[in-house]
Structures are given as structure tokens and as C-alpha cells.
PDB file of N, CA and C in Angstrom:
ATOM      1  N   MET A   1      30.431 139.705 134.550  1.00  0.00           N
ATOM      2  CA  MET A   1      29.890 139.643 133.202  1.00  0.00           C
ATOM      3  C   MET A   1      29.009 138.409 133.090  1.00  0.00           C
ATOM      4  N   SER A   2      27.854 138.570 132.460  1.00  0.00           N
ATOM      5  CA  SER A   2      26.943 137.440 132.294  1.00  0.00           C
ATOM      6  C   SER A   2      27.535 136.435 131.315  1.00  0.00           C
ATOM      7  N   GLU A   3      26.985 135.222 131.359  1.00  0.00           N
ATOM      8  CA  GLU A   3      27.467 134.178 130.454  1.00  0.00           C
ATOM      9  C   GLU A   3      27.265 134.600 129.002  1.00  0.00           C
ATOM     10  N   GLU A   4      26.104 135.223 128.715  1.00  0.00           N
ATOM     11  CA  GLU A   4      25.853 135.688 127.348  1.00  0.00           C
ATOM     12  C   GLU A   4      26.852 136.767 126.947  1.00  0.00           C
ATOM     13  N   GLY A   5      27.203 137.650 127.872  1.00  0.00           N
ATOM     14  CA  GLY A   5      28.186 138.690 127.588  1.00  0.00           C
ATOM     15  C   GLY A   5      29.540 138.112 127.252  1.00  0.00           C
ATOM     16  N   ARG A   6      29.891 137.041 127.930  1.00  0.00           N
ATOM     17  CA  ARG A   6      31.176 136.393 127.636  1.00  0.00           C
ATOM     18  C   ARG A   6      31.184 135.787 126.245  1.00  0.00           C
ATOM     19  N   GLU A   7      30.055 135.309 125.787  1.00  0.00           N
ATOM     20  CA  GLU A   7      29.978 134.696 124.463  1.00  0.00           C
ATOM     21  C   GLU A   7      30.116 135.713 123.339  1.00  0.00           C
ATOM     22  N   HIS A   8      30.000 136.992 123.655  1.00  0.00           N
ATOM     23  CA  HIS A   8      30.096 138.037 122.637  1.00  0.00           C
ATOM     24  C   HIS A   8      31.384 138.845 122.736  1.00  0.00           C
ATOM     25  N   ARG A   9      32.204 138.590 123.709  1.00  0.00           N
ATOM     26  CA  ARG A   9      33.397 139.410 123.907  1.00  0.00           C
ATOM     27  C   ARG A   9      34.550 138.957 123.005  1.00  0.00           C
ATOM     28  N   VAL A  10      35.463 139.875 122.797  1.00  0.00           N
ATOM     29  CA  VAL A  10      36.674 139.613 122.026  1.00  0.00           C
ATOM     30  C   VAL A  10      37.822 139.498 123.026  1.00  0.00           C
ATOM     31  N   LEU A  11      38.522 138.386 122.977  1.00  0.00           N
ATOM     32  CA  LEU A  11      39.723 138.216 123.804  1.00  0.00           C
ATOM     33  C   LEU A  11      40.917 138.678 123.000  1.00  0.00           C
ATOM     34  N   VAL A  12      41.790 139.442 123.646  1.00  0.00           N
ATOM     35  CA  VAL A  12      42.953 140.025 122.959  1.00  0.00           C
ATOM     36  C   VAL A  12      44.225 139.562 123.652  1.00  0.00           C
ATOM     37  N   LEU A  13      45.169 139.054 122.880  1.00  0.00           N
ATOM     38  CA  LEU A  13      46.505 138.733 123.369  1.00  0.00           C
ATOM     39  C   LEU A  13      47.483 139.429 122.438  1.00  0.00           C
ATOM     40  N   ALA A  14      48.049 140.520 122.919  1.00  0.00           N
ATOM     41  CA  ALA A  14      48.959 141.336 122.113  1.00  0.00           C
ATOM     42  C   ALA A  14      50.383 141.197 122.649  1.00  0.00           C
ATOM     43  N   PRO A  15      51.383 141.467 121.815  1.00  0.00           N
ATOM     44  CA  PRO A  15      52.764 141.281 122.244  1.00  0.00           C
ATOM     45  C   PRO A  15      53.240 142.292 123.286  1.00  0.00           C
ATOM     46  N   THR A  16      52.630 143.472 123.319  1.00  0.00           N
ATOM     47  CA  THR A  16      53.041 144.487 124.300  1.00  0.00           C
ATOM     48  C   THR A  16      51.803 145.106 124.940  1.00  0.00           C
ATOM     49  N   GLY A  17      52.003 145.702 126.097  1.00  0.00           N
ATOM     50  CA  GLY A  17      50.914 146.405 126.760  1.00  0.00           C
ATOM     51  C   GLY A  17      50.367 147.544 125.924  1.00  0.00           C
ATOM     52  N   ARG A  18      51.257 148.221 125.230  1.00  0.00           N
ATOM     53  CA  ARG A  18      50.829 149.331 124.369  1.00  0.00           C
ATOM     54  C   ARG A  18      49.948 148.826 123.233  1.00  0.00           C
ATOM     55  N   ASP A  19      50.335 147.706 122.608  1.00  0.00           N
ATOM     56  CA  ASP A  19      49.514 147.120 121.544  1.00  0.00           C
ATOM     57  C   ASP A  19      48.149 146.710 122.089  1.00  0.00           C
ATOM     58  N   ALA A  20      48.138 146.121 123.279  1.00  0.00           N
ATOM     59  CA  ALA A  20      46.879 145.701 123.904  1.00  0.00           C
ATOM     60  C   ALA A  20      45.989 146.913 124.167  1.00  0.00           C
ATOM     61  N   ALA A  21      46.575 147.987 124.688  1.00  0.00           N
ATOM     62  CA  ALA A  21      45.800 149.200 124.972  1.00  0.00           C
ATOM     63  C   ALA A  21      45.238 149.805 123.687  1.00  0.00           C
ATOM     64  N   ASN A  22      46.041 149.872 122.644  1.00  0.00           N
ATOM     65  CA  ASN A  22      45.571 150.414 121.362  1.00  0.00           C
ATOM     66  C   ASN A  22      44.439 149.568 120.795  1.00  0.00           C
ATOM     67  N   THR A  23      44.588 148.268 120.858  1.00  0.00           N
ATOM     68  CA  THR A  23      43.544 147.368 120.368  1.00  0.00           C
ATOM     69  C   THR A  23      42.272 147.537 121.194  1.00  0.00           C
ATOM     70  N   GLY A  24      42.430 147.614 122.516  1.00  0.00           N
ATOM     71  CA  GLY A  24      41.285 147.830 123.391  1.00  0.00           C
ATOM     72  C   GLY A  24      40.561 149.127 123.071  1.00  0.00           C
ATOM     73  N   ASN A  25      41.304 150.188 122.783  1.00  0.00           N
ATOM     74  CA  ASN A  25      40.686 151.472 122.423  1.00  0.00           C
ATOM     75  C   ASN A  25      39.853 151.353 121.154  1.00  0.00           C
ATOM     76  N   ILE A  26      40.377 150.637 120.174  1.00  0.00           N
ATOM     77  CA  ILE A  26      39.647 150.452 118.915  1.00  0.00           C
ATOM     78  C   ILE A  26      38.369 149.649 119.152  1.00  0.00           C
ATOM     79  N   LEU A  27      38.468 148.568 119.924  1.00  0.00           N
ATOM     80  CA  LEU A  27      37.289 147.745 120.213  1.00  0.00           C
ATOM     81  C   LEU A  27      36.261 148.531 121.018  1.00  0.00           C
ATOM     82  N   GLN A  28      36.733 149.344 121.955  1.00  0.00           N
ATOM     83  CA  GLN A  28      35.831 150.158 122.767  1.00  0.00           C
ATOM     84  C   GLN A  28      35.089 151.177 121.891  1.00  0.00           C
ATOM     85  N   GLN A  29      35.798 151.805 120.967  1.00  0.00           N
ATOM     86  CA  GLN A  29      35.166 152.766 120.055  1.00  0.00           C
ATOM     87  C   GLN A  29      34.096 152.093 119.198  1.00  0.00           C
ATOM     88  N   ALA A  30      34.298 150.814 118.901  1.00  0.00           N
ATOM     89  CA  ALA A  30      33.337 150.063 118.107  1.00  0.00           C
ATOM     90  C   ALA A  30      32.231 149.460 118.976  1.00  0.00           C
ATOM     91  N   ALA A  31      32.268 149.754 120.274  1.00  0.00           N
ATOM     92  CA  ALA A  31      31.281 149.255 121.243  1.00  0.00           C
ATOM     93  C   ALA A  31      31.276 147.731 121.328  1.00  0.00           C
ATOM     94  N   LEU A  32      32.449 147.134 121.176  1.00  0.00           N
ATOM     95  CA  LEU A  32      32.577 145.686 121.298  1.00  0.00           C
ATOM     96  C   LEU A  32      33.134 145.332 122.675  1.00  0.00           C
ATOM     97  N   PRO A  33      32.504 144.396 123.371  1.00  0.00           N
ATOM     98  CA  PRO A  33      33.054 143.977 124.662  1.00  0.00           C
ATOM     99  C   PRO A  33      34.356 143.220 124.434  1.00  0.00           C
ATOM    100  N   PHE A  34      35.349 143.470 125.283  1.00  0.00           N
ATOM    101  CA  PHE A  34      36.639 142.815 125.103  1.00  0.00           C
ATOM    102  C   PHE A  34      37.289 142.569 126.454  1.00  0.00           C
ATOM    103  N   PHE A  35      38.306 141.718 126.419  1.00  0.00           N
ATOM    104  CA  PHE A  35      39.100 141.427 127.601  1.00  0.00           C
ATOM    105  C   PHE A  35      40.539 141.255 127.141  1.00  0.00           C
ATOM    106  N   ILE A  36      41.459 141.968 127.769  1.00  0.00           N
ATOM    107  CA  ILE A  36      42.882 141.875 127.446  1.00  0.00           C
ATOM    108  C   ILE A  36      43.497 140.773 128.296  1.00  0.00           C
ATOM    109  N   CYS A  37      44.107 139.790 127.665  1.00  0.00           N
ATOM    110  CA  CYS A  37      44.768 138.689 128.370  1.00  0.00           C
ATOM    111  C   CYS A  37      46.261 138.972 128.452  1.00  0.00           C
ATOM    112  N   ARG A  38      46.866 138.574 129.554  1.00  0.00           N
ATOM    113  CA  ARG A  38      48.289 138.848 129.775  1.00  0.00           C
ATOM    114  C   ARG A  38      49.205 137.732 129.286  1.00  0.00           C
ATOM    115  N   GLY A  39      48.635 136.615 128.891  1.00  0.00           N
ATOM    116  CA  GLY A  39      49.448 135.515 128.392  1.00  0.00           C
ATOM    117  C   GLY A  39      48.570 134.403 127.852  1.00  0.00           C
ATOM    118  N   VAL A  40      49.208 133.405 127.248  1.00  0.00           N
ATOM    119  CA  VAL A  40      48.473 132.292 126.643  1.00  0.00           C
ATOM    120  C   VAL A  40      47.675 131.538 127.690  1.00  0.00           C
ATOM    121  N   GLU A  41      48.250 131.353 128.866  1.00  0.00           N
ATOM    122  CA  GLU A  41      47.552 130.625 129.924  1.00  0.00           C
ATOM    123  C   GLU A  41      46.236 131.313 130.283  1.00  0.00           C
ATOM    124  N   GLN A  42      46.280 132.622 130.495  1.00  0.00           N
ATOM    125  CA  GLN A  42      45.071 133.363 130.825  1.00  0.00           C
ATOM    126  C   GLN A  42      44.096 133.344 129.652  1.00  0.00           C
ATOM    127  N   LEU A  43      44.601 133.467 128.451  1.00  0.00           N
ATOM    128  CA  LEU A  43      43.754 133.420 127.266  1.00  0.00           C
ATOM    129  C   LEU A  43      42.985 132.101 127.207  1.00  0.00           C
ATOM    130  N   CYS A  44      43.669 131.003 127.448  1.00  0.00           N
ATOM    131  CA  CYS A  44      43.018 129.690 127.412  1.00  0.00           C
ATOM    132  C   CYS A  44      41.932 129.571 128.483  1.00  0.00           C
ATOM    133  N   ARG A  45      42.199 130.089 129.676  1.00  0.00           N
ATOM    134  CA  ARG A  45      41.180 130.069 130.744  1.00  0.00           C
ATOM    135  C   ARG A  45      39.961 130.892 130.338  1.00  0.00           C
ATOM    136  N   GLU A  46      40.205 132.043 129.751  1.00  0.00           N
ATOM    137  CA  GLU A  46      39.105 132.911 129.342  1.00  0.00           C
ATOM    138  C   GLU A  46      38.310 132.311 128.184  1.00  0.00           C
ATOM    139  N   ILE A  47      38.968 131.601 127.283  1.00  0.00           N
ATOM    140  CA  ILE A  47      38.265 130.913 126.199  1.00  0.00           C
ATOM    141  C   ILE A  47      37.292 129.906 126.793  1.00  0.00           C
ATOM    142  N   GLU A  48      37.745 129.168 127.801  1.00  0.00           N
ATOM    143  CA  GLU A  48      36.891 128.176 128.461  1.00  0.00           C
ATOM    144  C   GLU A  48      35.675 128.832 129.111  1.00  0.00           C
ATOM    145  N   ALA A  49      35.816 130.086 129.563  1.00  0.00           N
ATOM    146  CA  ALA A  49      34.716 130.793 130.229  1.00  0.00           C
ATOM    147  C   ALA A  49      33.689 131.327 129.231  1.00  0.00           C
ATOM    148  N   GLY A  50      34.053 131.385 127.956  1.00  0.00           N
ATOM    149  CA  GLY A  50      33.144 131.860 126.921  1.00  0.00           C
ATOM    150  C   GLY A  50      33.755 133.004 126.136  1.00  0.00           C
ATOM    151  N   VAL A  51      33.593 132.939 124.823  1.00  0.00           N
ATOM    152  CA  VAL A  51      34.220 133.934 123.959  1.00  0.00           C
ATOM    153  C   VAL A  51      33.488 134.005 122.623  1.00  0.00           C
ATOM    154  N   GLY A  52      33.483 135.203 122.033  1.00  0.00           N
ATOM    155  CA  GLY A  52      32.917 135.378 120.703  1.00  0.00           C
ATOM    156  C   GLY A  52      33.990 135.342 119.635  1.00  0.00           C
ATOM    157  N   ALA A  53      35.165 135.907 119.973  1.00  0.00           N
ATOM    158  CA  ALA A  53      36.287 135.954 119.030  1.00  0.00           C
ATOM    159  C   ALA A  53      37.588 136.073 119.812  1.00  0.00           C
ATOM    160  N   VAL A  54      38.661 135.645 119.172  1.00  0.00           N
ATOM    161  CA  VAL A  54      39.996 135.735 119.766  1.00  0.00           C
ATOM    162  C   VAL A  54      40.887 136.480 118.787  1.00  0.00           C
ATOM    163  N   LEU A  55      41.594 137.482 119.302  1.00  0.00           N
ATOM    164  CA  LEU A  55      42.525 138.261 118.498  1.00  0.00           C
ATOM    165  C   LEU A  55      43.923 138.019 119.058  1.00  0.00           C
ATOM    166  N   VAL A  56      44.739 137.298 118.292  1.00  0.00           N
ATOM    167  CA  VAL A  56      46.070 136.891 118.741  1.00  0.00           C
ATOM    168  C   VAL A  56      47.084 137.228 117.659  1.00  0.00           C
ATOM    169  N   THR A  57      48.216 137.761 118.064  1.00  0.00           N
ATOM    170  CA  THR A  57      49.271 138.033 117.094  1.00  0.00           C
ATOM    171  C   THR A  57      50.024 136.749 116.768  1.00  0.00           C
ATOM    172  N   THR A  58      50.694 136.756 115.651  1.00  0.00           N
ATOM    173  CA  THR A  58      51.505 135.607 115.257  1.00  0.00           C
ATOM    174  C   THR A  58      52.565 135.308 116.308  1.00  0.00           C
ATOM    175  N   GLU A  59      53.176 136.366 116.869  1.00  0.00           N
ATOM    176  CA  GLU A  59      54.219 136.180 117.882  1.00  0.00           C
ATOM    177  C   GLU A  59      53.683 135.421 119.090  1.00  0.00           C
ATOM    178  N   ALA A  60      52.499 135.777 119.550  1.00  0.00           N
ATOM    179  CA  ALA A  60      51.915 135.118 120.718  1.00  0.00           C
ATOM    180  C   ALA A  60      51.569 133.667 120.397  1.00  0.00           C
ATOM    181  N   PHE A  61      51.037 133.444 119.218  1.00  0.00           N
ATOM    182  CA  PHE A  61      50.669 132.087 118.814  1.00  0.00           C
ATOM    183  C   PHE A  61      51.913 131.203 118.694  1.00  0.00           C
ATOM    184  N   MET A  62      52.968 131.718 118.098  1.00  0.00           N
ATOM    185  CA  MET A  62      54.196 130.942 117.906  1.00  0.00           C
ATOM    186  C   MET A  62      54.909 130.680 119.232  1.00  0.00           C
ATOM    187  N   ALA A  63      54.717 131.540 120.217  1.00  0.00           N
ATOM    188  CA  ALA A  63      55.360 131.365 121.523  1.00  0.00           C
ATOM    189  C   ALA A  63      54.694 130.277 122.356  1.00  0.00           C
ATOM    190  N   ASP A  64      53.537 129.803 121.939  1.00  0.00           N
ATOM    191  CA  ASP A  64      52.795 128.775 122.670  1.00  0.00           C
ATOM    192  C   ASP A  64      53.363 127.394 122.343  1.00  0.00           C
ATOM    193  N   ARG A  65      54.497 127.085 122.909  1.00  0.00           N
ATOM    194  CA  ARG A  65      55.199 125.824 122.616  1.00  0.00           C
ATOM    195  C   ARG A  65      54.417 124.588 123.059  1.00  0.00           C
ATOM    196  N   GLU A  66      53.581 124.726 124.081  1.00  0.00           N
ATOM    197  CA  GLU A  66      52.811 123.585 124.589  1.00  0.00           C
ATOM    198  C   GLU A  66      51.521 123.356 123.803  1.00  0.00           C
ATOM    199  N   GLN A  67      51.257 124.215 122.816  1.00  0.00           N
ATOM    200  CA  GLN A  67      50.065 124.095 121.968  1.00  0.00           C
ATOM    201  C   GLN A  67      48.765 124.177 122.777  1.00  0.00           C
ATOM    202  N   ARG A  68      48.765 125.000 123.835  1.00  0.00           N
ATOM    203  CA  ARG A  68      47.567 125.154 124.665  1.00  0.00           C
ATOM    204  C   ARG A  68      46.451 125.865 123.917  1.00  0.00           C
ATOM    205  N   LEU A  69      46.810 126.872 123.139  1.00  0.00           N
ATOM    206  CA  LEU A  69      45.791 127.647 122.432  1.00  0.00           C
ATOM    207  C   LEU A  69      45.024 126.801 121.410  1.00  0.00           C
ATOM    208  N   PRO A  70      45.684 126.058 120.527  1.00  0.00           N
ATOM    209  CA  PRO A  70      44.919 125.224 119.592  1.00  0.00           C
ATOM    210  C   PRO A  70      44.031 124.209 120.315  1.00  0.00           C
ATOM    211  N   GLN A  71      44.511 123.668 121.420  1.00  0.00           N
ATOM    212  CA  GLN A  71      43.707 122.709 122.180  1.00  0.00           C
ATOM    213  C   GLN A  71      42.469 123.374 122.766  1.00  0.00           C
ATOM    214  N   ALA A  72      42.629 124.589 123.325  1.00  0.00           N
ATOM    215  CA  ALA A  72      41.490 125.314 123.894  1.00  0.00           C
ATOM    216  C   ALA A  72      40.474 125.657 122.808  1.00  0.00           C
ATOM    217  N   LEU A  73      40.943 126.045 121.642  1.00  0.00           N
ATOM    218  CA  LEU A  73      40.040 126.401 120.552  1.00  0.00           C
ATOM    219  C   LEU A  73      39.312 125.177 120.005  1.00  0.00           C
ATOM    220  N   GLN A  74      39.970 124.033 119.973  1.00  0.00           N
ATOM    221  CA  GLN A  74      39.328 122.804 119.490  1.00  0.00           C
ATOM    222  C   GLN A  74      38.185 122.371 120.390  1.00  0.00           C
ATOM    223  N   ARG A  75      38.248 122.714 121.671  1.00  0.00           N
ATOM    224  CA  ARG A  75      37.189 122.327 122.611  1.00  0.00           C
ATOM    225  C   ARG A  75      35.958 123.230 122.506  1.00  0.00           C
ATOM    226  N   GLN A  76      36.049 124.312 121.743  1.00  0.00           N
ATOM    227  CA  GLN A  76      34.929 125.237 121.605  1.00  0.00           C
ATOM    228  C   GLN A  76      33.855 124.644 120.703  1.00  0.00           C
ATOM    229  N   PRO A  77      32.588 124.902 121.032  1.00  0.00           N
ATOM    230  CA  PRO A  77      31.514 124.421 120.150  1.00  0.00           C
ATOM    231  C   PRO A  77      31.561 125.153 118.808  1.00  0.00           C
ATOM    232  N   SER A  78      31.008 124.534 117.803  1.00  0.00           N
ATOM    233  CA  SER A  78      30.959 125.144 116.475  1.00  0.00           C
ATOM    234  C   SER A  78      30.145 126.421 116.521  1.00  0.00           C
ATOM    235  N   PHE A  79      30.538 127.383 115.702  1.00  0.00           N
ATOM    236  CA  PHE A  79      29.830 128.639 115.597  1.00  0.00           C
ATOM    237  C   PHE A  79      28.518 128.411 114.872  1.00  0.00           C
ATOM    238  N   LYS A  80      27.448 128.978 115.416  1.00  0.00           N
ATOM    239  CA  LYS A  80      26.132 128.872 114.761  1.00  0.00           C
ATOM    240  C   LYS A  80      25.669 130.276 114.407  1.00  0.00           C
ATOM    241  N   PHE A  81      25.430 130.500 113.141  1.00  0.00           N
ATOM    242  CA  PHE A  81      24.964 131.795 112.683  1.00  0.00           C
ATOM    243  C   PHE A  81      23.444 131.807 112.763  1.00  0.00           C
ATOM    244  N   LEU A  82      22.928 132.790 113.454  1.00  0.00           N
ATOM    245  CA  LEU A  82      21.467 132.953 113.557  1.00  0.00           C
ATOM    246  C   LEU A  82      21.092 134.220 112.823  1.00  0.00           C
ATOM    247  N   SER A  83      20.290 134.103 111.804  1.00  0.00           N
ATOM    248  CA  SER A  83      19.874 135.302 111.081  1.00  0.00           C
ATOM    249  C   SER A  83      18.617 135.858 111.716  1.00  0.00           C
ATOM    250  N   SER A  84      18.397 137.132 111.529  1.00  0.00           N
ATOM    251  CA  SER A  84      17.223 137.783 112.097  1.00  0.00           C
ATOM    252  C   SER A  84      15.932 137.354 111.397  1.00  0.00           C
ATOM    253  N   SER A  85      16.040 136.699 110.245  1.00  0.00           N
ATOM    254  CA  SER A  85      14.841 136.258 109.517  1.00  0.00           C
ATOM    255  C   SER A  85      14.315 134.924 110.021  1.00  0.00           C
ATOM    256  N   ASN A  86      15.072 134.251 110.939  1.00  0.00           N
ATOM    257  CA  ASN A  86      14.600 132.949 111.467  1.00  0.00           C
ATOM    258  C   ASN A  86      13.570 133.124 112.534  1.00  0.00           C
TER     259      ASN A  86
END
């Protein structure tokens, strides 16, 4: 995946494989690029590689006792909205 493609993808961390698959199906139907992460560690690595959005359940967020996810998100650059009129 190109660097630009990574900046537009949705990272998903769901509590079960079935939830991840269902979420992936919905994102695919909407033609949104996505990547299913198997745990917080992988999610944090993928955030560092580039991401447009992160979809995380409360259960997954609360299970991150080392606070890796908030730290990874804090290192992300601020979102810049570019309108088509610019």
C-alpha cells in the first residue's frame, strides 16, 4: 500500500474476529480502505505507518493497561482539512 493509501485507511480493532469481519464488510461496501488489527500492539504499529481513522471498541481501549494507544495517537500530526475550493 502506498504511503498516501495508508493515510486514508481505517484501522479496526474489534473484540472478536466476527466483529472485525462484520466491520470490514461494512467498510468494504462503503469503498473505504481498511486494515484489521489483531491487538493494541499491532494497532499502534499501524498507526505509526499512517492512518486516516481508528475504530476501536471501549473494551479494546480499556484493556490497554500500558496506555500505548493514547501515546501512539498523541504522536500523530494534527488533522488538516483541505476543501476542494482551495
